[in-house]
Amino acid sequence: MSKLIRGSMPRGMDEKWFIYFESTALHMHRSWTGFCIFRVHFALTSEGWFSRHIEANRHAGQYGSAGAAEDFRLVKDLLQMLVDVTRP
């Protein structure tokens, strides 16, 4: 969870996501447009953190979603990227 809370600041044009944690939500913005595409809401319990729900931007002019299953896959991939990254 500490890596998710740390988020990700794009360092170049090839990095497409700006991700930050605020309060209990992980905000996932497209770095080129600044549009918030996903929010993953978390809750802290006595057993640790867990995700409560995911919000996806449905504004057609901001995000061309291919559907809920594809959104879930993309969020899962982004979360995995944050966990795998080894930035100082």
PDB file of N, CA and C in Angstrom:
ATOM      1  N   MET A   1       0.837  -1.199   0.000  1.00  0.00           N
ATOM      2  CA  MET A   1       0.000   0.000   0.000  1.00  0.00           C
ATOM      3  C   MET A   1       0.870   1.247   0.000  1.00  0.00           C
ATOM      4  N   SER A   2       2.048   1.171   0.592  1.00  0.00           N
ATOM      5  CA  SER A   2       2.913   2.355   0.624  1.00  0.00           C
ATOM      6  C   SER A   2       3.308   2.797  -0.782  1.00  0.00           C
ATOM      7  N   LYS A   3       3.481   1.857  -1.694  1.00  0.00           N
ATOM      8  CA  LYS A   3       3.812   2.223  -3.080  1.00  0.00           C
ATOM      9  C   LYS A   3       2.611   2.856  -3.782  1.00  0.00           C
ATOM     10  N   LEU A   4       1.409   2.397  -3.467  1.00  0.00           N
ATOM     11  CA  LEU A   4       0.216   3.018  -4.052  1.00  0.00           C
ATOM     12  C   LEU A   4       0.064   4.441  -3.526  1.00  0.00           C
ATOM     13  N   ILE A   5       0.289   4.618  -2.232  1.00  0.00           N
ATOM     14  CA  ILE A   5       0.166   5.948  -1.634  1.00  0.00           C
ATOM     15  C   ILE A   5       1.199   6.901  -2.224  1.00  0.00           C
ATOM     16  N   ARG A   6       2.374   6.398  -2.543  1.00  0.00           N
ATOM     17  CA  ARG A   6       3.433   7.218  -3.149  1.00  0.00           C
ATOM     18  C   ARG A   6       3.006   7.736  -4.525  1.00  0.00           C
ATOM     19  N   GLY A   7       2.222   6.954  -5.260  1.00  0.00           N
ATOM     20  CA  GLY A   7       1.730   7.383  -6.567  1.00  0.00           C
ATOM     21  C   GLY A   7       2.804   7.364  -7.631  1.00  0.00           C
ATOM     22  N   SER A   8       2.566   8.135  -8.691  1.00  0.00           N
ATOM     23  CA  SER A   8       3.500   8.181  -9.814  1.00  0.00           C
ATOM     24  C   SER A   8       3.386   9.518 -10.528  1.00  0.00           C
ATOM     25  N   MET A   9       4.512  10.204 -10.620  1.00  0.00           N
ATOM     26  CA  MET A   9       4.592  11.471 -11.356  1.00  0.00           C
ATOM     27  C   MET A   9       5.301  11.172 -12.676  1.00  0.00           C
ATOM     28  N   PRO A  10       4.680  11.500 -13.804  1.00  0.00           N
ATOM     29  CA  PRO A  10       5.334  11.218 -15.090  1.00  0.00           C
ATOM     30  C   PRO A  10       6.640  12.003 -15.224  1.00  0.00           C
ATOM     31  N   ARG A  11       7.668  11.314 -15.714  1.00  0.00           N
ATOM     32  CA  ARG A  11       8.969  11.959 -15.902  1.00  0.00           C
ATOM     33  C   ARG A  11       9.246  12.290 -17.364  1.00  0.00           C
ATOM     34  N   GLY A  12       8.362  11.890 -18.242  1.00  0.00           N
ATOM     35  CA  GLY A  12       8.552  12.154 -19.661  1.00  0.00           C
ATOM     36  C   GLY A  12       7.249  11.948 -20.417  1.00  0.00           C
ATOM     37  N   MET A  13       7.272  12.253 -21.698  1.00  0.00           N
ATOM     38  CA  MET A  13       6.074  12.149 -22.529  1.00  0.00           C
ATOM     39  C   MET A  13       5.607  10.704 -22.713  1.00  0.00           C
ATOM     40  N   ASP A  14       6.494   9.752 -22.512  1.00  0.00           N
ATOM     41  CA  ASP A  14       6.114   8.350 -22.678  1.00  0.00           C
ATOM     42  C   ASP A  14       5.291   7.821 -21.511  1.00  0.00           C
ATOM     43  N   GLU A  15       5.353   8.499 -20.375  1.00  0.00           N
ATOM     44  CA  GLU A  15       4.586   8.075 -19.215  1.00  0.00           C
ATOM     45  C   GLU A  15       3.229   8.758 -19.256  1.00  0.00           C
ATOM     46  N   LYS A  16       2.178   7.964 -19.387  1.00  0.00           N
ATOM     47  CA  LYS A  16       0.849   8.485 -19.699  1.00  0.00           C
ATOM     48  C   LYS A  16      -0.032   8.756 -18.487  1.00  0.00           C
ATOM     49  N   TRP A  17       0.445   8.428 -17.277  1.00  0.00           N
ATOM     50  CA  TRP A  17      -0.411   8.548 -16.107  1.00  0.00           C
ATOM     51  C   TRP A  17       0.243   9.360 -15.002  1.00  0.00           C
ATOM     52  N   PHE A  18      -0.559  10.212 -14.377  1.00  0.00           N
ATOM     53  CA  PHE A  18      -0.200  10.925 -13.156  1.00  0.00           C
ATOM     54  C   PHE A  18      -1.125  10.375 -12.082  1.00  0.00           C
ATOM     55  N   ILE A  19      -0.553   9.755 -11.069  1.00  0.00           N
ATOM     56  CA  ILE A  19      -1.354   9.052 -10.069  1.00  0.00           C
ATOM     57  C   ILE A  19      -0.960   9.547  -8.681  1.00  0.00           C
ATOM     58  N   TYR A  20      -1.967   9.904  -7.900  1.00  0.00           N
ATOM     59  CA  TYR A  20      -1.681  10.342  -6.532  1.00  0.00           C
ATOM     60  C   TYR A  20      -2.772   9.853  -5.587  1.00  0.00           C
ATOM     61  N   PHE A  21      -2.383   9.734  -4.324  1.00  0.00           N
ATOM     62  CA  PHE A  21      -3.281   9.270  -3.281  1.00  0.00           C
ATOM     63  C   PHE A  21      -3.657  10.461  -2.420  1.00  0.00           C
ATOM     64  N   GLU A  22      -4.963  10.642  -2.198  1.00  0.00           N
ATOM     65  CA  GLU A  22      -5.445  11.729  -1.353  1.00  0.00           C
ATOM     66  C   GLU A  22      -6.602  11.205  -0.514  1.00  0.00           C
ATOM     67  N   SER A  23      -6.499  11.441   0.774  1.00  0.00           N
ATOM     68  CA  SER A  23      -7.502  10.971   1.724  1.00  0.00           C
ATOM     69  C   SER A  23      -7.533   9.447   1.653  1.00  0.00           C
ATOM     70  N   THR A  24      -8.567   8.868   1.114  1.00  0.00           N
ATOM     71  CA  THR A  24      -8.628   7.405   0.980  1.00  0.00           C
ATOM     72  C   THR A  24      -8.832   6.972  -0.471  1.00  0.00           C
ATOM     73  N   ALA A  25      -8.482   7.845  -1.417  1.00  0.00           N
ATOM     74  CA  ALA A  25      -8.690   7.511  -2.831  1.00  0.00           C
ATOM     75  C   ALA A  25      -7.405   7.682  -3.630  1.00  0.00           C
ATOM     76  N   LEU A  26      -7.198   6.760  -4.560  1.00  0.00           N
ATOM     77  CA  LEU A  26      -6.104   6.844  -5.510  1.00  0.00           C
ATOM     78  C   LEU A  26      -6.668   7.442  -6.792  1.00  0.00           C
ATOM     79  N   HIS A  27      -6.166   8.597  -7.184  1.00  0.00           N
ATOM     80  CA  HIS A  27      -6.645   9.327  -8.362  1.00  0.00           C
ATOM     81  C   HIS A  27      -5.710   9.038  -9.529  1.00  0.00           C
ATOM     82  N   MET A  28      -6.289   8.644 -10.655  1.00  0.00           N
ATOM     83  CA  MET A  28      -5.509   8.293 -11.835  1.00  0.00           C
ATOM     84  C   MET A  28      -5.883   9.240 -12.973  1.00  0.00           C
ATOM     85  N   HIS A  29      -4.944  10.128 -13.315  1.00  0.00           N
ATOM     86  CA  HIS A  29      -5.164  11.144 -14.344  1.00  0.00           C
ATOM     87  C   HIS A  29      -4.309  10.833 -15.563  1.00  0.00           C
ATOM     88  N   ARG A  30      -4.847  11.137 -16.727  1.00  0.00           N
ATOM     89  CA  ARG A  30      -4.039  11.084 -17.944  1.00  0.00           C
ATOM     90  C   ARG A  30      -3.067  12.246 -17.892  1.00  0.00           C
ATOM     91  N   SER A  31      -1.793  11.974 -18.053  1.00  0.00           N
ATOM     92  CA  SER A  31      -0.792  13.028 -17.896  1.00  0.00           C
ATOM     93  C   SER A  31      -0.865  14.075 -19.014  1.00  0.00           C
ATOM     94  N   TRP A  32      -1.265  13.696 -20.200  1.00  0.00           N
ATOM     95  CA  TRP A  32      -1.289  14.643 -21.313  1.00  0.00           C
ATOM     96  C   TRP A  32      -2.462  15.610 -21.226  1.00  0.00           C
ATOM     97  N   THR A  33      -3.607  15.133 -20.744  1.00  0.00           N
ATOM     98  CA  THR A  33      -4.809  15.977 -20.715  1.00  0.00           C
ATOM     99  C   THR A  33      -5.128  16.495 -19.317  1.00  0.00           C
ATOM    100  N   GLY A  34      -4.669  15.788 -18.300  1.00  0.00           N
ATOM    101  CA  GLY A  34      -5.000  16.139 -16.926  1.00  0.00           C
ATOM    102  C   GLY A  34      -6.344  15.598 -16.469  1.00  0.00           C
ATOM    103  N   PHE A  35      -7.086  14.937 -17.355  1.00  0.00           N
ATOM    104  CA  PHE A  35      -8.394  14.410 -16.986  1.00  0.00           C
ATOM    105  C   PHE A  35      -8.255  13.264 -15.991  1.00  0.00           C
ATOM    106  N   CYS A  36      -9.092  13.289 -14.951  1.00  0.00           N
ATOM    107  CA  CYS A  36      -9.151  12.173 -14.014  1.00  0.00           C
ATOM    108  C   CYS A  36      -9.970  11.069 -14.684  1.00  0.00           C
ATOM    109  N   ILE A  37      -9.358   9.910 -14.860  1.00  0.00           N
ATOM    110  CA  ILE A  37     -10.022   8.798 -15.534  1.00  0.00           C
ATOM    111  C   ILE A  37     -10.577   7.795 -14.527  1.00  0.00           C
ATOM    112  N   PHE A  38      -9.795   7.508 -13.491  1.00  0.00           N
ATOM    113  CA  PHE A  38     -10.238   6.551 -12.476  1.00  0.00           C
ATOM    114  C   PHE A  38      -9.959   7.078 -11.081  1.00  0.00           C
ATOM    115  N   ARG A  39     -10.800   6.664 -10.141  1.00  0.00           N
ATOM    116  CA  ARG A  39     -10.552   6.830  -8.708  1.00  0.00           C
ATOM    117  C   ARG A  39     -10.806   5.475  -8.065  1.00  0.00           C
ATOM    118  N   VAL A  40      -9.827   5.020  -7.312  1.00  0.00           N
ATOM    119  CA  VAL A  40      -9.978   3.780  -6.562  1.00  0.00           C
ATOM    120  C   VAL A  40     -10.112   4.178  -5.098  1.00  0.00           C
ATOM    121  N   HIS A  41     -11.232   3.863  -4.507  1.00  0.00           N
ATOM    122  CA  HIS A  41     -11.507   4.214  -3.115  1.00  0.00           C
ATOM    123  C   HIS A  41     -11.116   3.050  -2.207  1.00  0.00           C
ATOM    124  N   PHE A  42     -10.359   3.373  -1.170  1.00  0.00           N
ATOM    125  CA  PHE A  42      -9.866   2.370  -0.234  1.00  0.00           C
ATOM    126  C   PHE A  42     -10.455   2.606   1.152  1.00  0.00           C
ATOM    127  N   ALA A  43     -10.422   1.561   1.956  1.00  0.00           N
ATOM    128  CA  ALA A  43     -10.817   1.650   3.360  1.00  0.00           C
ATOM    129  C   ALA A  43      -9.743   0.940   4.178  1.00  0.00           C
ATOM    130  N   LEU A  44      -9.452   1.510   5.330  1.00  0.00           N
ATOM    131  CA  LEU A  44      -8.498   0.900   6.252  1.00  0.00           C
ATOM    132  C   LEU A  44      -9.271   0.211   7.361  1.00  0.00           C
ATOM    133  N   THR A  45      -9.022  -1.081   7.513  1.00  0.00           N
ATOM    134  CA  THR A  45      -9.681  -1.853   8.561  1.00  0.00           C
ATOM    135  C   THR A  45      -8.603  -2.405   9.491  1.00  0.00           C
ATOM    136  N   SER A  46      -9.002  -3.122  10.488  1.00  0.00           N
ATOM    137  CA  SER A  46      -8.045  -3.737  11.409  1.00  0.00           C
ATOM    138  C   SER A  46      -7.178  -4.783  10.705  1.00  0.00           C
ATOM    139  N   GLU A  47      -7.633  -5.255   9.557  1.00  0.00           N
ATOM    140  CA  GLU A  47      -6.873  -6.250   8.786  1.00  0.00           C
ATOM    141  C   GLU A  47      -6.034  -5.627   7.685  1.00  0.00           C
ATOM    142  N   GLY A  48      -6.107  -4.320   7.511  1.00  0.00           N
ATOM    143  CA  GLY A  48      -5.324  -3.642   6.485  1.00  0.00           C
ATOM    144  C   GLY A  48      -6.213  -2.899   5.506  1.00  0.00           C
ATOM    145  N   TRP A  49      -5.606  -2.451   4.421  1.00  0.00           N
ATOM    146  CA  TRP A  49      -6.323  -1.696   3.386  1.00  0.00           C
ATOM    147  C   TRP A  49      -7.036  -2.639   2.424  1.00  0.00           C
ATOM    148  N   PHE A  50      -8.193  -2.215   1.936  1.00  0.00           N
ATOM    149  CA  PHE A  50      -8.843  -2.930   0.837  1.00  0.00           C
ATOM    150  C   PHE A  50      -9.562  -1.909  -0.035  1.00  0.00           C
ATOM    151  N   SER A  51      -9.710  -2.251  -1.309  1.00  0.00           N
ATOM    152  CA  SER A  51     -10.408  -1.343  -2.222  1.00  0.00           C
ATOM    153  C   SER A  51     -11.909  -1.541  -2.065  1.00  0.00           C
ATOM    154  N   ARG A  52     -12.619  -0.433  -1.918  1.00  0.00           N
ATOM    155  CA  ARG A  52     -14.076  -0.471  -1.751  1.00  0.00           C
ATOM    156  C   ARG A  52     -14.777  -0.430  -3.088  1.00  0.00           C
ATOM    157  N   HIS A  53     -14.370   0.524  -3.934  1.00  0.00           N
ATOM    158  CA  HIS A  53     -14.966   0.613  -5.267  1.00  0.00           C
ATOM    159  C   HIS A  53     -14.101   1.473  -6.168  1.00  0.00           C
ATOM    160  N   ILE A  54     -14.390   1.370  -7.457  1.00  0.00           N
ATOM    161  CA  ILE A  54     -13.659   2.112  -8.482  1.00  0.00           C
ATOM    162  C   ILE A  54     -14.653   2.997  -9.223  1.00  0.00           C
ATOM    163  N   GLU A  55     -14.285   4.251  -9.410  1.00  0.00           N
ATOM    164  CA  GLU A  55     -15.063   5.164 -10.244  1.00  0.00           C
ATOM    165  C   GLU A  55     -14.337   5.301 -11.579  1.00  0.00           C
ATOM    166  N   ALA A  56     -15.072   5.315 -12.664  1.00  0.00           N
ATOM    167  CA  ALA A  56     -14.498   5.519 -13.992  1.00  0.00           C
ATOM    168  C   ALA A  56     -15.174   6.722 -14.638  1.00  0.00           C
ATOM    169  N   ASN A  57     -14.379   7.551 -15.264  1.00  0.00           N
ATOM    170  CA  ASN A  57     -14.875   8.722 -15.971  1.00  0.00           C
ATOM    171  C   ASN A  57     -15.681   8.255 -17.184  1.00  0.00           C
ATOM    172  N   ARG A  58     -16.902   8.677 -17.301  1.00  0.00           N
ATOM    173  CA  ARG A  58     -17.754   8.279 -18.419  1.00  0.00           C
ATOM    174  C   ARG A  58     -18.023   9.428 -19.391  1.00  0.00           C
ATOM    175  N   HIS A  59     -17.293  10.514 -19.251  1.00  0.00           N
ATOM    176  CA  HIS A  59     -17.429  11.637 -20.181  1.00  0.00           C
ATOM    177  C   HIS A  59     -16.760  11.246 -21.495  1.00  0.00           C
ATOM    178  N   ALA A  60     -17.549  11.103 -22.554  1.00  0.00           N
ATOM    179  CA  ALA A  60     -17.034  10.617 -23.842  1.00  0.00           C
ATOM    180  C   ALA A  60     -15.934  11.498 -24.411  1.00  0.00           C
ATOM    181  N   GLY A  61     -15.953  12.775 -24.109  1.00  0.00           N
ATOM    182  CA  GLY A  61     -14.924  13.680 -24.602  1.00  0.00           C
ATOM    183  C   GLY A  61     -13.619  13.599 -23.829  1.00  0.00           C
ATOM    184  N   GLN A  62     -13.635  12.892 -22.699  1.00  0.00           N
ATOM    185  CA  GLN A  62     -12.435  12.780 -21.872  1.00  0.00           C
ATOM    186  C   GLN A  62     -11.848  11.375 -21.842  1.00  0.00           C
ATOM    187  N   TYR A  63     -12.710  10.367 -22.012  1.00  0.00           N
ATOM    188  CA  TYR A  63     -12.244   8.989 -21.932  1.00  0.00           C
ATOM    189  C   TYR A  63     -13.152   8.093 -22.748  1.00  0.00           C
ATOM    190  N   GLY A  64     -12.576   7.389 -23.689  1.00  0.00           N
ATOM    191  CA  GLY A  64     -13.332   6.462 -24.529  1.00  0.00           C
ATOM    192  C   GLY A  64     -13.291   5.055 -23.953  1.00  0.00           C
ATOM    193  N   SER A  65     -14.116   4.812 -22.967  1.00  0.00           N
ATOM    194  CA  SER A  65     -14.136   3.521 -22.301  1.00  0.00           C
ATOM    195  C   SER A  65     -14.613   2.420 -23.239  1.00  0.00           C
ATOM    196  N   ALA A  66     -13.957   1.266 -23.120  1.00  0.00           N
ATOM    197  CA  ALA A  66     -14.383   0.090 -23.876  1.00  0.00           C
ATOM    198  C   ALA A  66     -15.311  -0.781 -23.039  1.00  0.00           C
ATOM    199  N   GLY A  67     -15.673  -0.300 -21.843  1.00  0.00           N
ATOM    200  CA  GLY A  67     -16.579  -1.044 -20.978  1.00  0.00           C
ATOM    201  C   GLY A  67     -15.962  -1.335 -19.626  1.00  0.00           C
ATOM    202  N   ALA A  68     -16.794  -1.764 -18.714  1.00  0.00           N
ATOM    203  CA  ALA A  68     -16.374  -1.983 -17.327  1.00  0.00           C
ATOM    204  C   ALA A  68     -15.265  -3.026 -17.204  1.00  0.00           C
ATOM    205  N   ALA A  69     -15.341  -4.092 -17.969  1.00  0.00           N
ATOM    206  CA  ALA A  69     -14.309  -5.135 -17.878  1.00  0.00           C
ATOM    207  C   ALA A  69     -12.951  -4.601 -18.309  1.00  0.00           C
ATOM    208  N   GLU A  70     -12.929  -3.825 -19.373  1.00  0.00           N
ATOM    209  CA  GLU A  70     -11.669  -3.233 -19.836  1.00  0.00           C
ATOM    210  C   GLU A  70     -11.165  -2.187 -18.854  1.00  0.00           C
ATOM    211  N   ASP A  71     -12.062  -1.405 -18.273  1.00  0.00           N
ATOM    212  CA  ASP A  71     -11.666  -0.434 -17.250  1.00  0.00           C
ATOM    213  C   ASP A  71     -11.017  -1.141 -16.064  1.00  0.00           C
ATOM    214  N   PHE A  72     -11.630  -2.217 -15.617  1.00  0.00           N
ATOM    215  CA  PHE A  72     -11.087  -2.971 -14.487  1.00  0.00           C
ATOM    216  C   PHE A  72      -9.700  -3.506 -14.816  1.00  0.00           C
ATOM    217  N   ARG A  73      -9.517  -4.033 -16.026  1.00  0.00           N
ATOM    218  CA  ARG A  73      -8.212  -4.556 -16.434  1.00  0.00           C
ATOM    219  C   ARG A  73      -7.172  -3.447 -16.423  1.00  0.00           C
ATOM    220  N   LEU A  74      -7.534  -2.265 -16.936  1.00  0.00           N
ATOM    221  CA  LEU A  74      -6.596  -1.147 -16.983  1.00  0.00           C
ATOM    222  C   LEU A  74      -6.222  -0.681 -15.573  1.00  0.00           C
ATOM    223  N   VAL A  75      -7.203  -0.563 -14.687  1.00  0.00           N
ATOM    224  CA  VAL A  75      -6.924  -0.171 -13.305  1.00  0.00           C
ATOM    225  C   VAL A  75      -6.014  -1.209 -12.649  1.00  0.00           C
ATOM    226  N   LYS A  76      -6.311  -2.469 -12.864  1.00  0.00           N
ATOM    227  CA  LYS A  76      -5.478  -3.545 -12.305  1.00  0.00           C
ATOM    228  C   LYS A  76      -4.041  -3.433 -12.809  1.00  0.00           C
ATOM    229  N   ASP A  77      -3.859  -3.175 -14.101  1.00  0.00           N
ATOM    230  CA  ASP A  77      -2.521  -3.020 -14.680  1.00  0.00           C
ATOM    231  C   ASP A  77      -1.798  -1.807 -14.081  1.00  0.00           C
ATOM    232  N   LEU A  78      -2.526  -0.704 -13.893  1.00  0.00           N
ATOM    233  CA  LEU A  78      -1.918   0.495 -13.314  1.00  0.00           C
ATOM    234  C   LEU A  78      -1.510   0.257 -11.860  1.00  0.00           C
ATOM    235  N   LEU A  79      -2.349  -0.428 -11.108  1.00  0.00           N
ATOM    236  CA  LEU A  79      -2.000  -0.757  -9.726  1.00  0.00           C
ATOM    237  C   LEU A  79      -0.765  -1.654  -9.692  1.00  0.00           C
ATOM    238  N   GLN A  80      -0.714  -2.616 -10.580  1.00  0.00           N
ATOM    239  CA  GLN A  80       0.453  -3.505 -10.638  1.00  0.00           C
ATOM    240  C   GLN A  80       1.709  -2.725 -10.999  1.00  0.00           C
ATOM    241  N   MET A  81       1.588  -1.772 -11.926  1.00  0.00           N
ATOM    242  CA  MET A  81       2.730  -0.946 -12.304  1.00  0.00           C
ATOM    243  C   MET A  81       3.260  -0.184 -11.092  1.00  0.00           C
ATOM    244  N   LEU A  82       2.361   0.363 -10.282  1.00  0.00           N
ATOM    245  CA  LEU A  82       2.785   1.102  -9.091  1.00  0.00           C
ATOM    246  C   LEU A  82       3.487   0.196  -8.091  1.00  0.00           C
ATOM    247  N   VAL A  83       2.992  -1.001  -7.938  1.00  0.00           N
ATOM    248  CA  VAL A  83       3.594  -1.938  -6.994  1.00  0.00           C
ATOM    249  C   VAL A  83       4.975  -2.397  -7.487  1.00  0.00           C
ATOM    250  N   ASP A  84       5.114  -2.578  -8.792  1.00  0.00           N
ATOM    251  CA  ASP A  84       6.372  -3.086  -9.370  1.00  0.00           C
ATOM    252  C   ASP A  84       7.456  -2.020  -9.493  1.00  0.00           C
ATOM    253  N   VAL A  85       7.074  -0.765  -9.579  1.00  0.00           N
ATOM    254  CA  VAL A  85       8.044   0.294  -9.830  1.00  0.00           C
ATOM    255  C   VAL A  85       8.999   0.452  -8.643  1.00  0.00           C
ATOM    256  N   THR A  86      10.245   0.726  -8.950  1.00  0.00           N
ATOM    257  CA  THR A  86      11.248   0.926  -7.895  1.00  0.00           C
ATOM    258  C   THR A  86      11.856   2.305  -8.044  1.00  0.00           C
ATOM    259  N   ARG A  87      11.096   3.311  -7.693  1.00  0.00           N
ATOM    260  CA  ARG A  87      11.592   4.692  -7.741  1.00  0.00           C
ATOM    261  C   ARG A  87      11.979   5.127  -6.336  1.00  0.00           C
ATOM    262  N   PRO A  88      12.990   5.985  -6.254  1.00  0.00           N
ATOM    263  CA  PRO A  88      13.387   6.506  -4.932  1.00  0.00           C
ATOM    264  C   PRO A  88      12.321   7.372  -4.320  1.00  0.00           C
TER     265      PRO A  88
END
